[in-house]
């Protein structure tokens, strides 16, 4: 797992608080190189880490049994 900086951790928390559908949209946006307010302050490497972290988080949610 990547060592999370304070800014990266804050972005993850802000995005995840918006819910799974929004997290999926942000994963797509990050994959497309789009900049959104929740992660605009992050550099390219941090945005790549953010994308990986969000993908890992969603794997957990998508693999949970209802």
C-alpha atoms as a PDB file:
ATOM      1  CA  UNK A   1       0.000   0.000   0.000  1.00  0.00           C
ATOM      2  CA  UNK A   2       1.192   3.504  -0.788  1.00  0.00           C
ATOM      3  CA  UNK A   3       2.235   5.790   2.049  1.00  0.00           C
ATOM      4  CA  UNK A   4      -0.492   8.403   2.149  1.00  0.00           C
ATOM      5  CA  UNK A   5       0.314  12.078   2.511  1.00  0.00           C
ATOM      6  CA  UNK A   6      -2.068  14.330   4.388  1.00  0.00           C
ATOM      7  CA  UNK A   7      -3.375  15.872   1.144  1.00  0.00           C
ATOM      8  CA  UNK A   8      -3.904  12.472  -0.440  1.00  0.00           C
ATOM      9  CA  UNK A   9      -5.683  11.169   2.640  1.00  0.00           C
ATOM     10  CA  UNK A  10      -7.947  14.231   2.703  1.00  0.00           C
ATOM     11  CA  UNK A  11      -8.838  13.765  -0.969  1.00  0.00           C
ATOM     12  CA  UNK A  12      -9.690  10.086  -0.396  1.00  0.00           C
ATOM     13  CA  UNK A  13     -11.877  10.956   2.580  1.00  0.00           C
ATOM     14  CA  UNK A  14     -13.661  13.765   0.708  1.00  0.00           C
ATOM     15  CA  UNK A  15     -14.354  11.626  -2.350  1.00  0.00           C
ATOM     16  CA  UNK A  16     -15.421   8.506  -0.421  1.00  0.00           C
ATOM     17  CA  UNK A  17     -17.844  10.570   1.670  1.00  0.00           C
ATOM     18  CA  UNK A  18     -19.765  11.278  -1.549  1.00  0.00           C
ATOM     19  CA  UNK A  19     -20.765   7.627  -2.034  1.00  0.00           C
ATOM     20  CA  UNK A  20     -19.935   4.723  -4.331  1.00  0.00           C
ATOM     21  CA  UNK A  21     -21.478   6.157  -7.507  1.00  0.00           C
ATOM     22  CA  UNK A  22     -19.454   9.337  -7.158  1.00  0.00           C
ATOM     23  CA  UNK A  23     -16.291   7.377  -6.357  1.00  0.00           C
ATOM     24  CA  UNK A  24     -16.762   5.426  -9.589  1.00  0.00           C
ATOM     25  CA  UNK A  25     -17.159   8.718 -11.485  1.00  0.00           C
ATOM     26  CA  UNK A  26     -13.971  10.049  -9.929  1.00  0.00           C
ATOM     27  CA  UNK A  27     -12.110   6.868 -10.853  1.00  0.00           C
ATOM     28  CA  UNK A  28     -13.160   7.444 -14.468  1.00  0.00           C
ATOM     29  CA  UNK A  29     -12.220  11.133 -14.263  1.00  0.00           C
ATOM     30  CA  UNK A  30      -8.791  10.337 -12.819  1.00  0.00           C
ATOM     31  CA  UNK A  31      -8.258   7.681 -15.475  1.00  0.00           C
ATOM     32  CA  UNK A  32      -9.078  10.282 -18.130  1.00  0.00           C
ATOM     33  CA  UNK A  33      -6.729  12.865 -16.628  1.00  0.00           C
ATOM     34  CA  UNK A  34      -9.529  15.203 -15.516  1.00  0.00           C
ATOM     35  CA  UNK A  35      -8.898  17.559 -12.606  1.00  0.00           C
ATOM     36  CA  UNK A  36     -11.613  17.950  -9.977  1.00  0.00           C
ATOM     37  CA  UNK A  37     -11.626  20.240  -6.905  1.00  0.00           C
ATOM     38  CA  UNK A  38     -11.176  17.388  -4.418  1.00  0.00           C
ATOM     39  CA  UNK A  39      -7.788  16.493  -5.864  1.00  0.00           C
ATOM     40  CA  UNK A  40      -6.698  19.583  -7.808  1.00  0.00           C
ATOM     41  CA  UNK A  41      -3.914  20.312  -5.299  1.00  0.00           C
ATOM     42  CA  UNK A  42      -2.316  16.877  -5.821  1.00  0.00           C
ATOM     43  CA  UNK A  43       0.568  16.398  -8.225  1.00  0.00           C
ATOM     44  CA  UNK A  44       0.571  13.794 -10.995  1.00  0.00           C
ATOM     45  CA  UNK A  45       2.116  11.054  -8.842  1.00  0.00           C
ATOM     46  CA  UNK A  46      -0.332  11.739  -6.016  1.00  0.00           C
ATOM     47  CA  UNK A  47      -3.270  11.608  -8.447  1.00  0.00           C
ATOM     48  CA  UNK A  48      -2.015   8.233  -9.682  1.00  0.00           C
ATOM     49  CA  UNK A  49      -1.849   7.056  -6.058  1.00  0.00           C
ATOM     50  CA  UNK A  50      -5.339   8.438  -5.450  1.00  0.00           C
ATOM     51  CA  UNK A  51      -6.658   6.502  -8.431  1.00  0.00           C
ATOM     52  CA  UNK A  52      -5.052   3.275  -7.194  1.00  0.00           C
ATOM     53  CA  UNK A  53      -6.376   3.787  -3.656  1.00  0.00           C
ATOM     54  CA  UNK A  54      -9.925   4.497  -4.871  1.00  0.00           C
ATOM     55  CA  UNK A  55      -9.829   1.424  -7.103  1.00  0.00           C
ATOM     56  CA  UNK A  56      -8.661  -0.694  -4.148  1.00  0.00           C
ATOM     57  CA  UNK A  57     -11.421   0.713  -1.954  1.00  0.00           C
ATOM     58  CA  UNK A  58     -14.090  -0.015  -4.560  1.00  0.00           C
ATOM     59  CA  UNK A  59     -12.898  -3.610  -4.962  1.00  0.00           C
ATOM     60  CA  UNK A  60     -13.699  -4.121  -1.282  1.00  0.00           C
ATOM     61  CA  UNK A  61     -17.197  -2.637  -1.645  1.00  0.00           C
ATOM     62  CA  UNK A  62     -17.970  -4.462  -4.870  1.00  0.00           C
ATOM     63  CA  UNK A  63     -16.896  -7.830  -3.448  1.00  0.00           C
ATOM     64  CA  UNK A  64     -18.998  -7.565  -0.300  1.00  0.00           C
ATOM     65  CA  UNK A  65     -21.988  -9.822  -0.095  1.00  0.00           C
ATOM     66  CA  UNK A  66     -25.356  -8.035   0.172  1.00  0.00           C
END
